[in-house]
Amino acid sequence: MAKSSTDKNPEPVKLAEAVFAGDRRALAQALTLVESSRKDHRVLAAELIEHLAPFAGTSIRIGISGVPGVGKSTFIEAFGIHLLGLGHRVAVLSVDPTSVLSGGSILGDKTRMPGLAREQAAFIRPSPAGGTLGGVGRHTRESIVVCEAGGFDVVIVETVGVGQSEMAVAHMTDMFVLLLLPDAGDELQGIKRGIVEVADLLLVNKADGELESHAQRTAAEYANALRLIRPRSRHWTVPVNTCSALTGSGVPEVWSLVENYRASLADSGELSARRAEQARAWLWEEISANFIDALKADAGVNKRLPEIEQRVIEGTLTPAAAAGRLVEIFVGRADDR
């Protein structure tokens, strides 16, 4: 048995083997490693992903978003338990709001999805949003690879539902699902047209009790509105369905739509093309992130940074000019005045 669950800095090969073997503690440790920003951890994480990547890519990756209060976690739990009943293994990467004091996740898997968290065929990973764009961690893509290599054939990425997180998740998953509230307009829900445009499925949640008729009306309104929006894919007509995560009504139909969507895009070649484009985008995101890390660690930049920052604060140097100056110092083209 590999010592992956106890070593502080395990060998990537041994950790990969333990992930393949279904060691849940090794899976958690691998995710912690790829989420780390420590330089030595980044080196180990890169090697780990090299070992895992050839065995990933076989899952269906589903992004789920919606404004706070729409019932994302309740829906994911109901949806996940349904999938487990069909024999699937489900991993949930849930990007939580971040504590201002500790920097950790405010919510946790056992608090938000207690039923799903108890299942052996499910794995839930709450990650603090931190200061990353829209609340989606920089290494979420790597976390997806780890979960897929660990044998999970459905990977769900849940966002905090604010800022640009929806757009980020839409561009790292196969299918983007947007949850809506009954009888709430765009202004109230805080949903921009651009977010609706990248959705592959719209779900009006909480379609139960006295809200059921309201949910049906909202679904009809969005279905009409979608006729005015250019579809994301010419091989898929975006459905607008209702469901109740609380009662389970409409949840099985969601999986049927996911299967139909995957088949349609796979047959047309669009799914593989979309993943290829996502890999290219991942490359450039990593280039940008690594460049910024190297820039911040550069001795020449750190020597001049306080002075340049002060000039920006005083208004004697524009941020754009300051950024250009720092980049020139970093690449060694600037004089040392």
C-alpha atoms as a PDB file:
ATOM      1  CA  MET A   1       0.000   0.000   0.000  1.00  0.00           C
ATOM      2  CA  ALA A   2       1.375   3.396  -0.991  1.00  0.00           C
ATOM      3  CA  LYS A   3       1.980   5.849   1.807  1.00  0.00           C
ATOM      4  CA  SER A   4       0.089   8.538  -0.094  1.00  0.00           C
ATOM      5  CA  SER A   5      -2.375   9.146   2.704  1.00  0.00           C
ATOM      6  CA  THR A   6       0.261   9.932   5.281  1.00  0.00           C
ATOM      7  CA  ASP A   7       3.283  11.417   3.477  1.00  0.00           C
ATOM      8  CA  LYS A   8       3.382  15.190   3.582  1.00  0.00           C
ATOM      9  CA  ASN A   9       5.071  15.398   0.196  1.00  0.00           C
ATOM     10  CA  PRO A  10       4.440  12.011  -1.457  1.00  0.00           C
ATOM     11  CA  GLU A  11       6.086  10.905  -4.657  1.00  0.00           C
ATOM     12  CA  PRO A  12       3.723  11.791  -7.533  1.00  0.00           C
ATOM     13  CA  VAL A  13       3.973   8.271  -8.992  1.00  0.00           C
ATOM     14  CA  LYS A  14       2.941   6.621  -5.729  1.00  0.00           C
ATOM     15  CA  LEU A  15       0.167   9.139  -5.164  1.00  0.00           C
ATOM     16  CA  ALA A  16      -1.129   8.545  -8.698  1.00  0.00           C
ATOM     17  CA  GLU A  17      -1.142   4.784  -8.113  1.00  0.00           C
ATOM     18  CA  ALA A  18      -3.129   5.246  -4.916  1.00  0.00           C
ATOM     19  CA  VAL A  19      -5.645   7.477  -6.723  1.00  0.00           C
ATOM     20  CA  PHE A  20      -6.037   4.799  -9.427  1.00  0.00           C
ATOM     21  CA  ALA A  21      -6.595   2.202  -6.715  1.00  0.00           C
ATOM     22  CA  GLY A  22      -9.534   4.145  -5.305  1.00  0.00           C
ATOM     23  CA  ASP A  23      -7.857   5.345  -2.106  1.00  0.00           C
ATOM     24  CA  ARG A  24     -10.143   8.169  -0.978  1.00  0.00           C
ATOM     25  CA  ARG A  25      -7.524   9.666   1.341  1.00  0.00           C
ATOM     26  CA  ALA A  26      -5.066   9.705  -1.544  1.00  0.00           C
ATOM     27  CA  LEU A  27      -7.687  11.409  -3.699  1.00  0.00           C
ATOM     28  CA  ALA A  28      -8.165  14.100  -1.059  1.00  0.00           C
ATOM     29  CA  GLN A  29      -4.411  14.514  -0.729  1.00  0.00           C
ATOM     30  CA  ALA A  30      -4.017  14.808  -4.506  1.00  0.00           C
ATOM     31  CA  LEU A  31      -6.670  17.525  -4.610  1.00  0.00           C
ATOM     32  CA  THR A  32      -4.958  19.382  -1.773  1.00  0.00           C
ATOM     33  CA  LEU A  33      -1.706  19.195  -3.706  1.00  0.00           C
ATOM     34  CA  VAL A  34      -3.127  20.613  -6.957  1.00  0.00           C
ATOM     35  CA  GLU A  35      -4.908  23.375  -5.044  1.00  0.00           C
ATOM     36  CA  SER A  36      -1.725  24.483  -3.298  1.00  0.00           C
ATOM     37  CA  SER A  37       0.103  27.607  -4.443  1.00  0.00           C
ATOM     38  CA  ARG A  38       3.421  26.639  -2.843  1.00  0.00           C
ATOM     39  CA  LYS A  39       6.194  26.476  -5.409  1.00  0.00           C
ATOM     40  CA  ASP A  40       7.383  23.010  -4.377  1.00  0.00           C
ATOM     41  CA  HIS A  41       3.801  21.737  -4.408  1.00  0.00           C
ATOM     42  CA  ARG A  42       3.237  23.159  -7.883  1.00  0.00           C
ATOM     43  CA  VAL A  43       6.196  21.128  -9.181  1.00  0.00           C
ATOM     44  CA  LEU A  44       4.814  17.947  -7.579  1.00  0.00           C
ATOM     45  CA  ALA A  45       1.290  18.727  -8.791  1.00  0.00           C
ATOM     46  CA  ALA A  46       2.471  19.152 -12.382  1.00  0.00           C
ATOM     47  CA  GLU A  47       4.167  15.757 -12.277  1.00  0.00           C
ATOM     48  CA  LEU A  48       1.099  14.177 -10.685  1.00  0.00           C
ATOM     49  CA  ILE A  49      -1.178  15.540 -13.429  1.00  0.00           C
ATOM     50  CA  GLU A  50       1.241  14.190 -16.059  1.00  0.00           C
ATOM     51  CA  HIS A  51       0.702  10.705 -14.627  1.00  0.00           C
ATOM     52  CA  LEU A  52      -3.078  11.068 -14.239  1.00  0.00           C
ATOM     53  CA  ALA A  53      -4.024  12.905 -17.437  1.00  0.00           C
ATOM     54  CA  PRO A  54      -3.830   9.880 -19.804  1.00  0.00           C
ATOM     55  CA  PHE A  55      -6.455   8.153 -17.660  1.00  0.00           C
ATOM     56  CA  ALA A  56      -8.796  11.146 -17.414  1.00  0.00           C
ATOM     57  CA  GLY A  57     -11.251  12.680 -19.843  1.00  0.00           C
ATOM     58  CA  THR A  58     -13.842   9.921 -19.829  1.00  0.00           C
ATOM     59  CA  SER A  59     -16.387  11.547 -17.507  1.00  0.00           C
ATOM     60  CA  ILE A  60     -19.202  13.925 -18.310  1.00  0.00           C
ATOM     61  CA  ARG A  61     -18.305  17.300 -16.813  1.00  0.00           C
ATOM     62  CA  ILE A  62     -21.311  19.325 -15.692  1.00  0.00           C
ATOM     63  CA  GLY A  63     -21.179  22.922 -14.496  1.00  0.00           C
ATOM     64  CA  ILE A  64     -24.045  24.055 -12.287  1.00  0.00           C
ATOM     65  CA  SER A  65     -24.717  27.640 -11.307  1.00  0.00           C
ATOM     66  CA  GLY A  66     -27.414  30.043 -10.231  1.00  0.00           C
ATOM     67  CA  VAL A  67     -27.893  32.824  -7.744  1.00  0.00           C
ATOM     68  CA  PRO A  68     -27.619  32.113  -3.990  1.00  0.00           C
ATOM     69  CA  GLY A  69     -30.907  30.729  -2.713  1.00  0.00           C
ATOM     70  CA  VAL A  70     -31.877  28.955  -5.923  1.00  0.00           C
ATOM     71  CA  GLY A  71     -31.129  25.583  -4.322  1.00  0.00           C
ATOM     72  CA  LYS A  72     -27.939  24.501  -6.108  1.00  0.00           C
ATOM     73  CA  SER A  73     -26.658  22.262  -3.313  1.00  0.00           C
ATOM     74  CA  THR A  74     -30.064  20.705  -2.714  1.00  0.00           C
ATOM     75  CA  PHE A  75     -30.400  19.993  -6.415  1.00  0.00           C
ATOM     76  CA  ILE A  76     -26.886  18.536  -6.688  1.00  0.00           C
ATOM     77  CA  GLU A  77     -27.577  16.231  -3.763  1.00  0.00           C
ATOM     78  CA  ALA A  78     -30.848  14.966  -5.260  1.00  0.00           C
ATOM     79  CA  PHE A  79     -29.274  14.673  -8.717  1.00  0.00           C
ATOM     80  CA  GLY A  80     -26.183  12.928  -7.350  1.00  0.00           C
ATOM     81  CA  ILE A  81     -28.154  10.375  -5.348  1.00  0.00           C
ATOM     82  CA  HIS A  82     -30.226   9.614  -8.463  1.00  0.00           C
ATOM     83  CA  LEU A  83     -27.032   9.009 -10.448  1.00  0.00           C
ATOM     84  CA  LEU A  84     -25.649   6.719  -7.745  1.00  0.00           C
ATOM     85  CA  GLY A  85     -28.815   4.660  -8.074  1.00  0.00           C
ATOM     86  CA  LEU A  86     -28.002   4.232 -11.766  1.00  0.00           C
ATOM     87  CA  GLY A  87     -24.529   2.926 -10.946  1.00  0.00           C
ATOM     88  CA  HIS A  88     -22.533   6.086 -11.582  1.00  0.00           C
ATOM     89  CA  ARG A  89     -19.748   7.468  -9.411  1.00  0.00           C
ATOM     90  CA  VAL A  90     -20.126  11.176  -8.738  1.00  0.00           C
ATOM     91  CA  ALA A  91     -17.549  13.787  -7.771  1.00  0.00           C
ATOM     92  CA  VAL A  92     -18.634  17.292  -6.789  1.00  0.00           C
ATOM     93  CA  LEU A  93     -16.207  20.198  -6.812  1.00  0.00           C
ATOM     94  CA  SER A  94     -18.084  22.843  -4.889  1.00  0.00           C
ATOM     95  CA  VAL A  95     -16.529  26.301  -4.894  1.00  0.00           C
ATOM     96  CA  ASP A  96     -17.544  27.862  -1.572  1.00  0.00           C
ATOM     97  CA  PRO A  97     -17.563  31.481  -0.405  1.00  0.00           C
ATOM     98  CA  THR A  98     -14.343  32.286   1.435  1.00  0.00           C
ATOM     99  CA  SER A  99     -14.003  33.310   5.052  1.00  0.00           C
ATOM    100  CA  VAL A 100     -12.462  36.761   5.396  1.00  0.00           C
ATOM    101  CA  LEU A 101     -10.760  35.697   8.623  1.00  0.00           C
ATOM    102  CA  SER A 102      -9.377  32.250   7.831  1.00  0.00           C
ATOM    103  CA  GLY A 103      -9.432  32.141   4.048  1.00  0.00           C
ATOM    104  CA  GLY A 104     -11.229  28.794   4.239  1.00  0.00           C
ATOM    105  CA  SER A 105     -14.603  27.626   2.973  1.00  0.00           C
ATOM    106  CA  ILE A 106     -17.550  29.026   4.905  1.00  0.00           C
ATOM    107  CA  LEU A 107     -19.775  26.070   4.028  1.00  0.00           C
ATOM    108  CA  GLY A 108     -18.890  22.375   3.944  1.00  0.00           C
ATOM    109  CA  ASP A 109     -19.999  19.208   2.224  1.00  0.00           C
ATOM    110  CA  LYS A 110     -21.600  17.655   5.311  1.00  0.00           C
ATOM    111  CA  THR A 111     -23.539  20.853   5.987  1.00  0.00           C
ATOM    112  CA  ARG A 112     -24.755  21.379   2.452  1.00  0.00           C
ATOM    113  CA  MET A 113     -25.100  17.838   1.068  1.00  0.00           C
ATOM    114  CA  PRO A 114     -25.254  15.485   4.065  1.00  0.00           C
ATOM    115  CA  GLY A 115     -26.951  12.599   2.256  1.00  0.00           C
ATOM    116  CA  LEU A 116     -24.593  12.566  -0.707  1.00  0.00           C
ATOM    117  CA  ALA A 117     -21.550  13.020   1.531  1.00  0.00           C
ATOM    118  CA  ARG A 118     -22.279   9.703   3.250  1.00  0.00           C
ATOM    119  CA  GLU A 119     -22.243   7.705   0.009  1.00  0.00           C
ATOM    120  CA  GLN A 120     -19.088   5.732  -0.835  1.00  0.00           C
ATOM    121  CA  ALA A 121     -19.598   6.210  -4.576  1.00  0.00           C
ATOM    122  CA  ALA A 122     -19.649   9.987  -4.160  1.00  0.00           C
ATOM    123  CA  PHE A 123     -16.880  12.425  -3.325  1.00  0.00           C
ATOM    124  CA  ILE A 124     -17.494  16.069  -2.450  1.00  0.00           C
ATOM    125  CA  ARG A 125     -14.724  18.605  -2.328  1.00  0.00           C
ATOM    126  CA  PRO A 126     -15.574  22.083  -1.014  1.00  0.00           C
ATOM    127  CA  SER A 127     -12.906  24.590  -1.997  1.00  0.00           C
ATOM    128  CA  PRO A 128     -12.646  28.221  -0.864  1.00  0.00           C
ATOM    129  CA  ALA A 129     -13.274  30.688  -3.664  1.00  0.00           C
ATOM    130  CA  GLY A 130     -10.490  32.959  -2.452  1.00  0.00           C
ATOM    131  CA  GLY A 131      -9.470  35.829  -4.670  1.00  0.00           C
ATOM    132  CA  THR A 132      -9.696  33.951  -7.950  1.00  0.00           C
ATOM    133  CA  LEU A 133     -11.800  35.137 -10.859  1.00  0.00           C
ATOM    134  CA  GLY A 134     -15.480  34.690 -10.120  1.00  0.00           C
ATOM    135  CA  GLY A 135     -14.847  32.265  -7.274  1.00  0.00           C
ATOM    136  CA  VAL A 136     -13.501  29.460  -9.448  1.00  0.00           C
ATOM    137  CA  GLY A 137     -10.141  28.126  -8.244  1.00  0.00           C
ATOM    138  CA  ARG A 138      -7.174  28.427 -10.571  1.00  0.00           C
ATOM    139  CA  HIS A 139      -6.619  24.689 -10.386  1.00  0.00           C
ATOM    140  CA  THR A 140     -10.202  23.486 -10.808  1.00  0.00           C
ATOM    141  CA  ARG A 141      -9.274  21.934 -14.135  1.00  0.00           C
ATOM    142  CA  GLU A 142      -6.545  19.907 -12.444  1.00  0.00           C
ATOM    143  CA  SER A 143      -9.029  18.810  -9.786  1.00  0.00           C
ATOM    144  CA  ILE A 144     -11.334  17.535 -12.535  1.00  0.00           C
ATOM    145  CA  VAL A 145      -8.475  15.436 -13.944  1.00  0.00           C
ATOM    146  CA  VAL A 146      -7.750  13.977 -10.494  1.00  0.00           C
ATOM    147  CA  CYS A 147     -11.389  12.992  -9.947  1.00  0.00           C
ATOM    148  CA  GLU A 148     -11.690  11.413 -13.380  1.00  0.00           C
ATOM    149  CA  ALA A 149      -8.497   9.403 -12.888  1.00  0.00           C
ATOM    150  CA  GLY A 150      -9.944   8.299  -9.539  1.00  0.00           C
ATOM    151  CA  GLY A 151     -12.805   6.581 -11.346  1.00  0.00           C
ATOM    152  CA  PHE A 152     -15.596   9.148 -11.128  1.00  0.00           C
ATOM    153  CA  ASP A 153     -17.584   9.190 -14.358  1.00  0.00           C
ATOM    154  CA  VAL A 154     -19.692  12.249 -13.500  1.00  0.00           C
ATOM    155  CA  VAL A 155     -17.895  15.375 -12.310  1.00  0.00           C
ATOM    156  CA  ILE A 156     -20.016  18.313 -11.185  1.00  0.00           C
ATOM    157  CA  VAL A 157     -18.550  21.780 -10.672  1.00  0.00           C
ATOM    158  CA  GLU A 158     -20.761  24.049  -8.582  1.00  0.00           C
ATOM    159  CA  THR A 159     -20.107  27.785  -8.439  1.00  0.00           C
ATOM    160  CA  VAL A 160     -20.994  30.412  -5.861  1.00  0.00           C
ATOM    161  CA  GLY A 161     -23.227  31.926  -8.524  1.00  0.00           C
ATOM    162  CA  VAL A 162     -21.837  35.439  -8.585  1.00  0.00           C
ATOM    163  CA  GLY A 163     -19.455  37.492 -10.701  1.00  0.00           C
ATOM    164  CA  GLN A 164     -17.758  35.751 -13.598  1.00  0.00           C
ATOM    165  CA  SER A 165     -17.763  32.267 -12.055  1.00  0.00           C
ATOM    166  CA  GLU A 166     -20.531  31.077 -14.338  1.00  0.00           C
ATOM    167  CA  MET A 167     -18.563  32.004 -17.447  1.00  0.00           C
ATOM    168  CA  ALA A 168     -15.413  30.348 -16.120  1.00  0.00           C
ATOM    169  CA  VAL A 169     -17.230  27.097 -15.338  1.00  0.00           C
ATOM    170  CA  ALA A 170     -19.055  27.120 -18.675  1.00  0.00           C
ATOM    171  CA  HIS A 171     -15.670  27.080 -20.375  1.00  0.00           C
ATOM    172  CA  MET A 172     -14.194  24.179 -18.400  1.00  0.00           C
ATOM    173  CA  THR A 173     -17.121  21.741 -18.476  1.00  0.00           C
ATOM    174  CA  ASP A 174     -19.019  19.824 -21.157  1.00  0.00           C
ATOM    175  CA  MET A 175     -22.483  21.008 -20.160  1.00  0.00           C
ATOM    176  CA  PHE A 176     -23.471  24.142 -18.287  1.00  0.00           C
ATOM    177  CA  VAL A 177     -26.716  24.043 -16.305  1.00  0.00           C
ATOM    178  CA  LEU A 178     -28.281  27.248 -15.015  1.00  0.00           C
ATOM    179  CA  LEU A 179     -30.798  27.021 -12.169  1.00  0.00           C
ATOM    180  CA  LEU A 180     -33.547  29.641 -11.986  1.00  0.00           C
ATOM    181  CA  LEU A 181     -36.058  30.710  -9.361  1.00  0.00           C
ATOM    182  CA  PRO A 182     -39.812  30.632 -10.027  1.00  0.00           C
ATOM    183  CA  ASP A 183     -41.402  33.995 -10.804  1.00  0.00           C
ATOM    184  CA  ALA A 184     -38.182  35.993 -10.575  1.00  0.00           C
ATOM    185  CA  GLY A 185     -37.065  38.196 -13.413  1.00  0.00           C
ATOM    186  CA  ASP A 186     -33.506  38.693 -14.599  1.00  0.00           C
ATOM    187  CA  GLU A 187     -33.098  41.848 -12.537  1.00  0.00           C
ATOM    188  CA  LEU A 188     -34.076  40.058  -9.318  1.00  0.00           C
ATOM    189  CA  GLN A 189     -32.038  36.938 -10.083  1.00  0.00           C
ATOM    190  CA  GLY A 190     -28.967  38.889 -11.096  1.00  0.00           C
ATOM    191  CA  ILE A 191     -28.625  36.838 -14.271  1.00  0.00           C
ATOM    192  CA  LYS A 192     -27.052  38.500 -17.271  1.00  0.00           C
ATOM    193  CA  ARG A 193     -28.025  37.677 -20.834  1.00  0.00           C
ATOM    194  CA  GLY A 194     -24.466  36.499 -21.501  1.00  0.00           C
ATOM    195  CA  ILE A 195     -24.828  33.785 -18.856  1.00  0.00           C
ATOM    196  CA  VAL A 196     -28.060  32.541 -20.408  1.00  0.00           C
ATOM    197  CA  GLU A 197     -26.335  32.447 -23.791  1.00  0.00           C
ATOM    198  CA  VAL A 198     -23.732  29.924 -22.594  1.00  0.00           C
ATOM    199  CA  ALA A 199     -26.252  27.697 -20.789  1.00  0.00           C
ATOM    200  CA  ASP A 200     -26.924  24.260 -22.288  1.00  0.00           C
ATOM    201  CA  LEU A 201     -29.885  23.619 -20.003  1.00  0.00           C
ATOM    202  CA  LEU A 202     -32.126  25.939 -17.987  1.00  0.00           C
ATOM    203  CA  LEU A 203     -33.845  24.509 -14.927  1.00  0.00           C
ATOM    204  CA  VAL A 204     -36.493  26.307 -12.921  1.00  0.00           C
ATOM    205  CA  ASN A 205     -36.087  24.806  -9.467  1.00  0.00           C
ATOM    206  CA  LYS A 206     -38.526  24.726  -6.530  1.00  0.00           C
ATOM    207  CA  ALA A 207     -41.410  23.624  -8.769  1.00  0.00           C
ATOM    208  CA  ASP A 208     -43.449  22.231  -5.894  1.00  0.00           C
ATOM    209  CA  GLY A 209     -46.481  23.229  -3.847  1.00  0.00           C
ATOM    210  CA  GLU A 210     -47.891  26.631  -4.614  1.00  0.00           C
ATOM    211  CA  LEU A 211     -44.757  27.543  -6.569  1.00  0.00           C
ATOM    212  CA  GLU A 212     -45.299  24.830  -9.181  1.00  0.00           C
ATOM    213  CA  SER A 213     -47.517  26.963 -11.415  1.00  0.00           C
ATOM    214  CA  HIS A 214     -45.136  29.888 -11.029  1.00  0.00           C
ATOM    215  CA  ALA A 215     -42.252  27.665 -12.087  1.00  0.00           C
ATOM    216  CA  GLN A 216     -44.129  26.520 -15.183  1.00  0.00           C
ATOM    217  CA  ARG A 217     -44.829  30.121 -16.133  1.00  0.00           C
ATOM    218  CA  THR A 218     -41.186  31.104 -15.636  1.00  0.00           C
ATOM    219  CA  ALA A 219     -40.056  28.170 -17.770  1.00  0.00           C
ATOM    220  CA  ALA A 220     -42.404  29.230 -20.569  1.00  0.00           C
ATOM    221  CA  GLU A 221     -41.098  32.798 -20.410  1.00  0.00           C
ATOM    222  CA  TYR A 222     -37.489  31.671 -20.678  1.00  0.00           C
ATOM    223  CA  ALA A 223     -38.318  29.271 -23.486  1.00  0.00           C
ATOM    224  CA  ASN A 224     -39.772  32.188 -25.450  1.00  0.00           C
ATOM    225  CA  ALA A 225     -36.781  34.376 -24.629  1.00  0.00           C
ATOM    226  CA  LEU A 226     -34.335  31.724 -25.877  1.00  0.00           C
ATOM    227  CA  ARG A 227     -35.819  32.027 -29.359  1.00  0.00           C
ATOM    228  CA  LEU A 228     -34.211  35.463 -29.564  1.00  0.00           C
ATOM    229  CA  ILE A 229     -30.787  34.233 -28.475  1.00  0.00           C
ATOM    230  CA  ARG A 230     -28.300  32.608 -30.810  1.00  0.00           C
ATOM    231  CA  PRO A 231     -27.777  29.032 -29.605  1.00  0.00           C
ATOM    232  CA  ARG A 232     -24.358  28.044 -28.295  1.00  0.00           C
ATOM    233  CA  SER A 233     -24.410  24.888 -30.406  1.00  0.00           C
ATOM    234  CA  ARG A 234     -26.084  24.238 -33.745  1.00  0.00           C
ATOM    235  CA  HIS A 235     -26.426  20.612 -32.686  1.00  0.00           C
ATOM    236  CA  TRP A 236     -28.454  21.283 -29.540  1.00  0.00           C
ATOM    237  CA  THR A 237     -31.648  23.166 -28.761  1.00  0.00           C
ATOM    238  CA  VAL A 238     -31.447  24.404 -25.170  1.00  0.00           C
ATOM    239  CA  PRO A 239     -34.339  22.924 -23.116  1.00  0.00           C
ATOM    240  CA  VAL A 240     -36.073  24.779 -20.296  1.00  0.00           C
ATOM    241  CA  ASN A 241     -37.399  22.350 -17.695  1.00  0.00           C
ATOM    242  CA  THR A 242     -38.851  22.568 -14.217  1.00  0.00           C
ATOM    243  CA  CYS A 243     -37.832  20.443 -11.259  1.00  0.00           C
ATOM    244  CA  SER A 244     -38.029  20.217  -7.514  1.00  0.00           C
ATOM    245  CA  ALA A 245     -34.832  19.277  -5.753  1.00  0.00           C
ATOM    246  CA  LEU A 246     -36.874  18.986  -2.563  1.00  0.00           C
ATOM    247  CA  THR A 247     -39.324  16.337  -3.848  1.00  0.00           C
ATOM    248  CA  GLY A 248     -37.166  14.870  -6.610  1.00  0.00           C
ATOM    249  CA  SER A 249     -39.712  15.733  -9.284  1.00  0.00           C
ATOM    250  CA  GLY A 250     -38.073  16.278 -12.666  1.00  0.00           C
ATOM    251  CA  VAL A 251     -34.624  15.163 -11.497  1.00  0.00           C
ATOM    252  CA  PRO A 252     -34.508  11.886 -13.500  1.00  0.00           C
ATOM    253  CA  GLU A 253     -35.457  13.848 -16.624  1.00  0.00           C
ATOM    254  CA  VAL A 254     -32.412  16.061 -16.129  1.00  0.00           C
ATOM    255  CA  TRP A 255     -30.073  13.077 -16.487  1.00  0.00           C
ATOM    256  CA  SER A 256     -31.911  11.977 -19.647  1.00  0.00           C
ATOM    257  CA  LEU A 257     -31.280  15.436 -21.093  1.00  0.00           C
ATOM    258  CA  VAL A 258     -27.606  15.232 -20.107  1.00  0.00           C
ATOM    259  CA  GLU A 259     -27.283  11.894 -21.915  1.00  0.00           C
ATOM    260  CA  ASN A 260     -29.030  13.244 -25.018  1.00  0.00           C
ATOM    261  CA  TYR A 261     -26.821  16.312 -24.995  1.00  0.00           C
ATOM    262  CA  ARG A 262     -23.631  14.292 -24.694  1.00  0.00           C
ATOM    263  CA  ALA A 263     -24.674  11.943 -27.515  1.00  0.00           C
ATOM    264  CA  SER A 264     -25.614  14.819 -29.837  1.00  0.00           C
ATOM    265  CA  LEU A 265     -22.359  16.721 -29.356  1.00  0.00           C
ATOM    266  CA  ALA A 266     -20.198  13.582 -29.411  1.00  0.00           C
ATOM    267  CA  ASP A 267     -21.721  12.357 -32.680  1.00  0.00           C
ATOM    268  CA  SER A 268     -21.168  15.741 -34.324  1.00  0.00           C
ATOM    269  CA  GLY A 269     -17.579  16.016 -33.098  1.00  0.00           C
ATOM    270  CA  GLU A 270     -18.386  19.211 -31.208  1.00  0.00           C
ATOM    271  CA  LEU A 271     -17.682  17.726 -27.787  1.00  0.00           C
ATOM    272  CA  SER A 272     -14.108  16.779 -28.679  1.00  0.00           C
ATOM    273  CA  ALA A 273     -13.601  20.154 -30.379  1.00  0.00           C
ATOM    274  CA  ARG A 274     -14.869  21.963 -27.290  1.00  0.00           C
ATOM    275  CA  ARG A 275     -12.520  20.025 -25.029  1.00  0.00           C
ATOM    276  CA  ALA A 276      -9.612  20.783 -27.343  1.00  0.00           C
ATOM    277  CA  GLU A 277     -10.397  24.487 -27.123  1.00  0.00           C
ATOM    278  CA  GLN A 278     -10.654  24.214 -23.344  1.00  0.00           C
ATOM    279  CA  ALA A 279      -7.189  22.617 -23.256  1.00  0.00           C
ATOM    280  CA  ARG A 280      -5.811  25.516 -25.281  1.00  0.00           C
ATOM    281  CA  ALA A 281      -7.445  28.025 -22.928  1.00  0.00           C
ATOM    282  CA  TRP A 282      -6.012  26.107 -19.948  1.00  0.00           C
ATOM    283  CA  LEU A 283      -2.543  26.414 -21.481  1.00  0.00           C
ATOM    284  CA  TRP A 284      -2.764  30.196 -21.732  1.00  0.00           C
ATOM    285  CA  GLU A 285      -4.256  30.558 -18.266  1.00  0.00           C
ATOM    286  CA  GLU A 286      -1.301  28.631 -16.859  1.00  0.00           C
ATOM    287  CA  ILE A 287       1.148  30.698 -18.892  1.00  0.00           C
ATOM    288  CA  SER A 288      -0.397  33.883 -17.472  1.00  0.00           C
ATOM    289  CA  ALA A 289      -0.471  32.554 -13.908  1.00  0.00           C
ATOM    290  CA  ASN A 290       3.120  31.281 -14.072  1.00  0.00           C
ATOM    291  CA  PHE A 291       4.320  34.539 -15.596  1.00  0.00           C
ATOM    292  CA  ILE A 292       2.726  36.564 -12.804  1.00  0.00           C
ATOM    293  CA  ASP A 293       4.221  34.248 -10.167  1.00  0.00           C
ATOM    294  CA  ALA A 294       7.664  34.608 -11.724  1.00  0.00           C
ATOM    295  CA  LEU A 295       7.229  38.377 -12.026  1.00  0.00           C
ATOM    296  CA  LYS A 296       6.380  38.711  -8.337  1.00  0.00           C
ATOM    297  CA  ALA A 297       9.375  36.606  -7.341  1.00  0.00           C
ATOM    298  CA  ASP A 298      11.882  38.489  -9.507  1.00  0.00           C
ATOM    299  CA  ALA A 299      14.545  40.389  -7.534  1.00  0.00           C
ATOM    300  CA  GLY A 300      14.749  43.228 -10.034  1.00  0.00           C
ATOM    301  CA  VAL A 301      10.995  43.735 -10.005  1.00  0.00           C
ATOM    302  CA  ASN A 302      10.833  43.655  -6.193  1.00  0.00           C
ATOM    303  CA  LYS A 303      13.597  46.251  -6.015  1.00  0.00           C
ATOM    304  CA  ARG A 304      11.693  48.744  -8.160  1.00  0.00           C
ATOM    305  CA  LEU A 305       8.139  47.778  -7.182  1.00  0.00           C
ATOM    306  CA  PRO A 306       7.725  50.039  -4.086  1.00  0.00           C
ATOM    307  CA  GLU A 307       8.816  53.114  -6.038  1.00  0.00           C
ATOM    308  CA  ILE A 308       6.615  52.316  -9.033  1.00  0.00           C
ATOM    309  CA  GLU A 309       3.605  51.534  -6.838  1.00  0.00           C
ATOM    310  CA  GLN A 310       4.072  54.829  -5.015  1.00  0.00           C
ATOM    311  CA  ARG A 311       4.154  56.746  -8.302  1.00  0.00           C
ATOM    312  CA  VAL A 312       0.908  55.058  -9.361  1.00  0.00           C
ATOM    313  CA  ILE A 313      -0.690  56.019  -6.027  1.00  0.00           C
ATOM    314  CA  GLU A 314       0.498  59.620  -6.438  1.00  0.00           C
ATOM    315  CA  GLY A 315      -0.797  59.754  -9.991  1.00  0.00           C
ATOM    316  CA  THR A 316       2.577  60.515 -11.590  1.00  0.00           C
ATOM    317  CA  LEU A 317       2.602  57.186 -13.443  1.00  0.00           C
ATOM    318  CA  THR A 318      -0.374  55.434 -15.021  1.00  0.00           C
ATOM    319  CA  PRO A 319      -1.103  51.797 -14.099  1.00  0.00           C
ATOM    320  CA  ALA A 320      -0.642  50.803 -17.748  1.00  0.00           C
ATOM    321  CA  ALA A 321       2.758  52.480 -17.975  1.00  0.00           C
ATOM    322  CA  ALA A 322       3.768  51.020 -14.610  1.00  0.00           C
ATOM    323  CA  ALA A 323       2.820  47.512 -15.709  1.00  0.00           C
ATOM    324  CA  GLY A 324       4.824  47.948 -18.897  1.00  0.00           C
ATOM    325  CA  ARG A 325       7.823  49.179 -16.918  1.00  0.00           C
ATOM    326  CA  LEU A 326       7.722  46.173 -14.572  1.00  0.00           C
ATOM    327  CA  VAL A 327       7.485  43.732 -17.465  1.00  0.00           C
ATOM    328  CA  GLU A 328      10.466  45.416 -19.137  1.00  0.00           C
ATOM    329  CA  ILE A 329      12.466  45.111 -15.917  1.00  0.00           C
ATOM    330  CA  PHE A 330      11.509  41.447 -15.695  1.00  0.00           C
ATOM    331  CA  VAL A 331      12.611  40.598 -19.229  1.00  0.00           C
ATOM    332  CA  GLY A 332      15.771  42.666 -18.830  1.00  0.00           C
ATOM    333  CA  ARG A 333      15.146  45.319 -21.475  1.00  0.00           C
ATOM    334  CA  ALA A 334      14.815  48.324 -19.185  1.00  0.00           C
ATOM    335  CA  ASP A 335      17.661  50.472 -17.941  1.00  0.00           C
ATOM    336  CA  ASP A 336      18.172  50.697 -14.170  1.00  0.00           C
ATOM    337  CA  ARG A 337      17.306  54.359 -13.758  1.00  0.00           C
END
